């Protein structure tokens, strides 16, 4: 994995997080501006993800993209949207982060 690929992947994650928050704000696509932001966020995320796949293996990129996105969205859900997160959720997020760390440390040995 090179720096450019990782930066593209990070950008994809940020855009996915943006799109997911807009999805919540769209209230089932009943609010036009947040609905438009969903399309922009996810579209940009997929585009950046596709560029990152030039240098990052698909399985590793997808695991990092979905894992970090899920963990950050769960935290944002608690902080921004006032959603509840119990002990099982906290443990789950910790396991996701641990998995992403393991992939980054040892993932290229399989690729």
C-alpha atoms as a PDB file:
ATOM      1  CA  UNK A   1       0.000   0.000   0.000  1.00  0.00           C
ATOM      2  CA  UNK A   2       1.306   3.404  -0.876  1.00  0.00           C
ATOM      3  CA  UNK A   3       0.571   6.780   0.706  1.00  0.00           C
ATOM      4  CA  UNK A   4      -1.603   7.969  -2.199  1.00  0.00           C
ATOM      5  CA  UNK A   5      -3.782   4.865  -1.999  1.00  0.00           C
ATOM      6  CA  UNK A   6      -4.196   5.252   1.739  1.00  0.00           C
ATOM      7  CA  UNK A   7      -5.105   8.941   1.367  1.00  0.00           C
ATOM      8  CA  UNK A   8      -7.684   8.071  -1.285  1.00  0.00           C
ATOM      9  CA  UNK A   9      -9.099   5.398   1.003  1.00  0.00           C
ATOM     10  CA  UNK A  10      -9.244   7.860   3.897  1.00  0.00           C
ATOM     11  CA  UNK A  11     -11.079  10.317   1.636  1.00  0.00           C
ATOM     12  CA  UNK A  12     -13.523   7.559   0.687  1.00  0.00           C
ATOM     13  CA  UNK A  13     -14.158   6.847   4.375  1.00  0.00           C
ATOM     14  CA  UNK A  14     -14.749  10.531   5.159  1.00  0.00           C
ATOM     15  CA  UNK A  15     -17.197  10.855   2.255  1.00  0.00           C
ATOM     16  CA  UNK A  16     -19.023   7.674   3.307  1.00  0.00           C
ATOM     17  CA  UNK A  17     -19.371   9.036   6.847  1.00  0.00           C
ATOM     18  CA  UNK A  18     -20.651  12.330   5.419  1.00  0.00           C
ATOM     19  CA  UNK A  19     -23.156  10.472   3.206  1.00  0.00           C
ATOM     20  CA  UNK A  20     -24.374   8.304   6.058  1.00  0.00           C
ATOM     21  CA  UNK A  21     -25.006  11.321   8.289  1.00  0.00           C
ATOM     22  CA  UNK A  22     -26.862  12.978   5.433  1.00  0.00           C
ATOM     23  CA  UNK A  23     -28.888   9.764   5.090  1.00  0.00           C
ATOM     24  CA  UNK A  24     -30.006  10.090   8.704  1.00  0.00           C
ATOM     25  CA  UNK A  25     -30.781  13.790   8.187  1.00  0.00           C
ATOM     26  CA  UNK A  26     -32.764  13.063   5.010  1.00  0.00           C
ATOM     27  CA  UNK A  27     -35.499  11.414   7.115  1.00  0.00           C
ATOM     28  CA  UNK A  28     -36.171   8.670   4.600  1.00  0.00           C
ATOM     29  CA  UNK A  29     -35.326  10.858   1.595  1.00  0.00           C
ATOM     30  CA  UNK A  30     -38.166  13.239   2.452  1.00  0.00           C
ATOM     31  CA  UNK A  31     -35.815  16.232   2.773  1.00  0.00           C
ATOM     32  CA  UNK A  32     -34.327  17.153  -0.636  1.00  0.00           C
ATOM     33  CA  UNK A  33     -31.041  18.787   0.394  1.00  0.00           C
ATOM     34  CA  UNK A  34     -29.871  15.995   2.722  1.00  0.00           C
ATOM     35  CA  UNK A  35     -31.017  13.452   0.108  1.00  0.00           C
ATOM     36  CA  UNK A  36     -28.848  15.174  -2.507  1.00  0.00           C
ATOM     37  CA  UNK A  37     -25.926  15.170  -0.040  1.00  0.00           C
ATOM     38  CA  UNK A  38     -26.368  11.395   0.388  1.00  0.00           C
ATOM     39  CA  UNK A  39     -25.901  10.881  -3.345  1.00  0.00           C
ATOM     40  CA  UNK A  40     -22.900  13.212  -3.464  1.00  0.00           C
ATOM     41  CA  UNK A  41     -21.289  11.653  -0.376  1.00  0.00           C
ATOM     42  CA  UNK A  42     -21.705   8.041  -1.455  1.00  0.00           C
ATOM     43  CA  UNK A  43     -20.871   8.764  -5.091  1.00  0.00           C
ATOM     44  CA  UNK A  44     -17.645  10.494  -4.137  1.00  0.00           C
ATOM     45  CA  UNK A  45     -16.850   7.746  -1.656  1.00  0.00           C
ATOM     46  CA  UNK A  46     -17.203   4.995  -4.253  1.00  0.00           C
ATOM     47  CA  UNK A  47     -15.146   6.973  -6.758  1.00  0.00           C
ATOM     48  CA  UNK A  48     -12.290   7.526  -4.287  1.00  0.00           C
ATOM     49  CA  UNK A  49     -12.527   3.896  -3.173  1.00  0.00           C
ATOM     50  CA  UNK A  50     -12.181   2.757  -6.789  1.00  0.00           C
ATOM     51  CA  UNK A  51      -9.034   4.863  -7.181  1.00  0.00           C
ATOM     52  CA  UNK A  52      -7.547   3.463  -3.963  1.00  0.00           C
ATOM     53  CA  UNK A  53      -7.974  -0.062  -5.347  1.00  0.00           C
ATOM     54  CA  UNK A  54      -5.175   0.642  -7.814  1.00  0.00           C
ATOM     55  CA  UNK A  55      -2.671   0.094  -5.002  1.00  0.00           C
ATOM     56  CA  UNK A  56      -4.606  -1.518  -2.138  1.00  0.00           C
ATOM     57  CA  UNK A  57      -5.942  -5.092  -2.360  1.00  0.00           C
ATOM     58  CA  UNK A  58      -9.763  -5.189  -2.518  1.00  0.00           C
ATOM     59  CA  UNK A  59     -10.323  -7.225   0.642  1.00  0.00           C
ATOM     60  CA  UNK A  60      -8.080  -5.042   2.756  1.00  0.00           C
ATOM     61  CA  UNK A  61      -9.456  -1.785   1.340  1.00  0.00           C
ATOM     62  CA  UNK A  62     -13.057  -2.860   1.845  1.00  0.00           C
ATOM     63  CA  UNK A  63     -12.428  -4.096   5.380  1.00  0.00           C
ATOM     64  CA  UNK A  64     -10.783  -0.803   6.341  1.00  0.00           C
ATOM     65  CA  UNK A  65     -13.441   1.287   4.551  1.00  0.00           C
ATOM     66  CA  UNK A  66     -16.398  -0.496   6.059  1.00  0.00           C
ATOM     67  CA  UNK A  67     -14.827  -1.117   9.472  1.00  0.00           C
ATOM     68  CA  UNK A  68     -13.645   2.400  10.172  1.00  0.00           C
ATOM     69  CA  UNK A  69     -16.790   3.855   8.649  1.00  0.00           C
ATOM     70  CA  UNK A  70     -18.961   1.691  10.899  1.00  0.00           C
ATOM     71  CA  UNK A  71     -16.975   2.532  14.024  1.00  0.00           C
ATOM     72  CA  UNK A  72     -16.940   6.279  13.376  1.00  0.00           C
ATOM     73  CA  UNK A  73     -20.641   6.344  12.450  1.00  0.00           C
ATOM     74  CA  UNK A  74     -21.493   4.536  15.688  1.00  0.00           C
ATOM     75  CA  UNK A  75     -19.601   7.159  17.700  1.00  0.00           C
ATOM     76  CA  UNK A  76     -21.189  10.004  15.717  1.00  0.00           C
ATOM     77  CA  UNK A  77     -24.584   8.398  16.289  1.00  0.00           C
ATOM     78  CA  UNK A  78     -24.035   8.683  20.022  1.00  0.00           C
ATOM     79  CA  UNK A  79     -22.549  12.178  19.973  1.00  0.00           C
ATOM     80  CA  UNK A  80     -24.591  13.884  17.252  1.00  0.00           C
ATOM     81  CA  UNK A  81     -27.818  11.921  16.981  1.00  0.00           C
ATOM     82  CA  UNK A  82     -28.131  11.033  20.695  1.00  0.00           C
ATOM     83  CA  UNK A  83     -28.388   7.312  19.970  1.00  0.00           C
ATOM     84  CA  UNK A  84     -27.732   4.797  22.729  1.00  0.00           C
ATOM     85  CA  UNK A  85     -24.741   2.460  22.630  1.00  0.00           C
ATOM     86  CA  UNK A  86     -24.556  -0.342  25.164  1.00  0.00           C
ATOM     87  CA  UNK A  87     -21.674  -2.488  26.320  1.00  0.00           C
ATOM     88  CA  UNK A  88     -22.083  -4.928  23.424  1.00  0.00           C
ATOM     89  CA  UNK A  89     -21.880  -2.030  20.949  1.00  0.00           C
ATOM     90  CA  UNK A  90     -18.749  -0.663  22.565  1.00  0.00           C
ATOM     91  CA  UNK A  91     -17.111  -4.098  22.515  1.00  0.00           C
ATOM     92  CA  UNK A  92     -18.154  -4.553  18.886  1.00  0.00           C
ATOM     93  CA  UNK A  93     -16.615  -1.237  17.858  1.00  0.00           C
ATOM     94  CA  UNK A  94     -13.411  -2.122  19.698  1.00  0.00           C
ATOM     95  CA  UNK A  95     -13.283  -5.439  17.819  1.00  0.00           C
ATOM     96  CA  UNK A  96     -13.819  -3.655  14.487  1.00  0.00           C
ATOM     97  CA  UNK A  97     -10.948  -1.280  15.234  1.00  0.00           C
ATOM     98  CA  UNK A  98      -8.760  -4.189  16.335  1.00  0.00           C
ATOM     99  CA  UNK A  99      -9.545  -5.973  13.064  1.00  0.00           C
ATOM    100  CA  UNK A 100      -8.601  -2.920  11.015  1.00  0.00           C
ATOM    101  CA  UNK A 101      -5.331  -2.616  12.929  1.00  0.00           C
ATOM    102  CA  UNK A 102      -4.551  -6.306  12.336  1.00  0.00           C
ATOM    103  CA  UNK A 103      -5.284  -5.960   8.630  1.00  0.00           C
ATOM    104  CA  UNK A 104      -2.946  -3.007   8.407  1.00  0.00           C
ATOM    105  CA  UNK A 105      -0.201  -4.800  10.283  1.00  0.00           C
ATOM    106  CA  UNK A 106      -0.432  -8.203   8.630  1.00  0.00           C
ATOM    107  CA  UNK A 107      -2.761  -7.898   5.617  1.00  0.00           C
ATOM    108  CA  UNK A 108      -0.119  -7.556   2.912  1.00  0.00           C
ATOM    109  CA  UNK A 109       1.464 -10.845   3.916  1.00  0.00           C
ATOM    110  CA  UNK A 110      -1.523 -12.584   2.314  1.00  0.00           C
ATOM    111  CA  UNK A 111      -1.816 -10.269  -0.706  1.00  0.00           C
END
